[in-house]
């Protein structure tokens, strides 16, 4: 396993794709909240502590394909 594989993944939003459906916040309620306009606000510390399968599920079911996992810095 490389050093890159050991770093936690971060959740990123492609703002050009996000339509504010809010499904990600419903799937990760402790890690993502919605702003006043219905767009996600990420808490990276809580996302890193969340169950990885839950985070991957949120990425895979995003209707706008706006979520992606990136390796931590």
Protein backbone atom coordinates (compact mmCIF):
# COMPACT_ATOMS: atom_id res chain seq x y z
CA UNK A 1 0.00 0.00 0.00
CA UNK A 2 1.45 3.38 -0.99
CA UNK A 3 1.48 6.48 1.20
CA UNK A 4 -1.22 7.98 -1.05
CA UNK A 5 -3.54 5.06 -0.30
CA UNK A 6 -3.16 5.61 3.45
CA UNK A 7 -4.27 9.24 3.36
CA UNK A 8 -7.99 9.80 3.95
CA UNK A 9 -10.11 10.75 0.99
CA UNK A 10 -11.78 14.15 0.84
CA UNK A 11 -15.18 14.73 -0.64
CA UNK A 12 -15.23 17.44 -3.30
CA UNK A 13 -18.09 19.12 -5.12
CA UNK A 14 -18.01 20.08 -8.77
CA UNK A 15 -20.00 23.31 -8.48
CA UNK A 16 -20.60 23.46 -12.22
CA UNK A 17 -22.65 20.24 -11.88
CA UNK A 18 -24.32 20.60 -8.48
CA UNK A 19 -28.05 21.36 -8.74
CA UNK A 20 -28.75 21.34 -5.00
CA UNK A 21 -30.84 18.16 -4.92
CA UNK A 22 -29.75 17.56 -1.30
CA UNK A 23 -29.46 13.79 -1.55
CA UNK A 24 -25.87 13.90 -0.25
CA UNK A 25 -27.03 15.66 2.93
CA UNK A 26 -29.76 13.06 3.39
CA UNK A 27 -27.22 10.24 3.09
CA UNK A 28 -24.52 11.89 5.24
CA UNK A 29 -26.50 14.07 7.67
CA UNK A 30 -23.70 14.39 10.21
CA UNK A 31 -21.16 15.41 7.58
CA UNK A 32 -23.06 17.52 5.07
CA UNK A 33 -25.63 20.22 5.74
CA UNK A 34 -27.54 22.33 3.25
CA UNK A 35 -27.18 26.09 3.03
CA UNK A 36 -30.14 28.48 2.72
CA UNK A 37 -30.39 27.75 -1.03
CA UNK A 38 -30.23 23.96 -0.68
CA UNK A 39 -26.59 23.51 -1.66
CA UNK A 40 -24.26 21.26 0.33
CA UNK A 41 -21.79 22.53 2.91
CA UNK A 42 -19.13 19.93 3.69
CA UNK A 43 -17.54 19.23 7.06
CA UNK A 44 -14.34 17.48 5.92
CA UNK A 45 -13.40 16.36 9.43
CA UNK A 46 -16.71 14.55 9.85
CA UNK A 47 -16.57 13.17 6.32
CA UNK A 48 -13.12 11.71 7.08
CA UNK A 49 -14.57 10.06 10.19
CA UNK A 50 -17.68 8.77 8.39
CA UNK A 51 -18.02 5.20 7.21
CA UNK A 52 -16.18 5.05 3.83
CA UNK A 53 -18.94 2.97 2.26
CA UNK A 54 -21.49 5.68 3.15
CA UNK A 55 -19.34 8.37 1.54
CA UNK A 56 -18.85 6.26 -1.59
CA UNK A 57 -22.59 5.65 -1.76
CA UNK A 58 -23.30 9.39 -1.63
CA UNK A 59 -20.84 9.92 -4.49
CA UNK A 60 -22.36 7.12 -6.56
CA UNK A 61 -26.00 8.22 -6.19
CA UNK A 62 -25.55 11.96 -6.78
CA UNK A 63 -28.06 12.67 -9.58
CA UNK A 64 -25.89 15.45 -11.03
CA UNK A 65 -22.58 13.51 -10.70
CA UNK A 66 -21.26 16.49 -8.77
CA UNK A 67 -19.46 14.63 -5.99
CA UNK A 68 -16.04 13.00 -6.19
CA UNK A 69 -13.45 11.61 -3.82
CA UNK A 70 -9.97 13.11 -3.84
CA UNK A 71 -6.93 12.07 -1.85
CA UNK A 72 -6.15 14.27 1.19
CA UNK A 73 -3.38 16.81 1.02
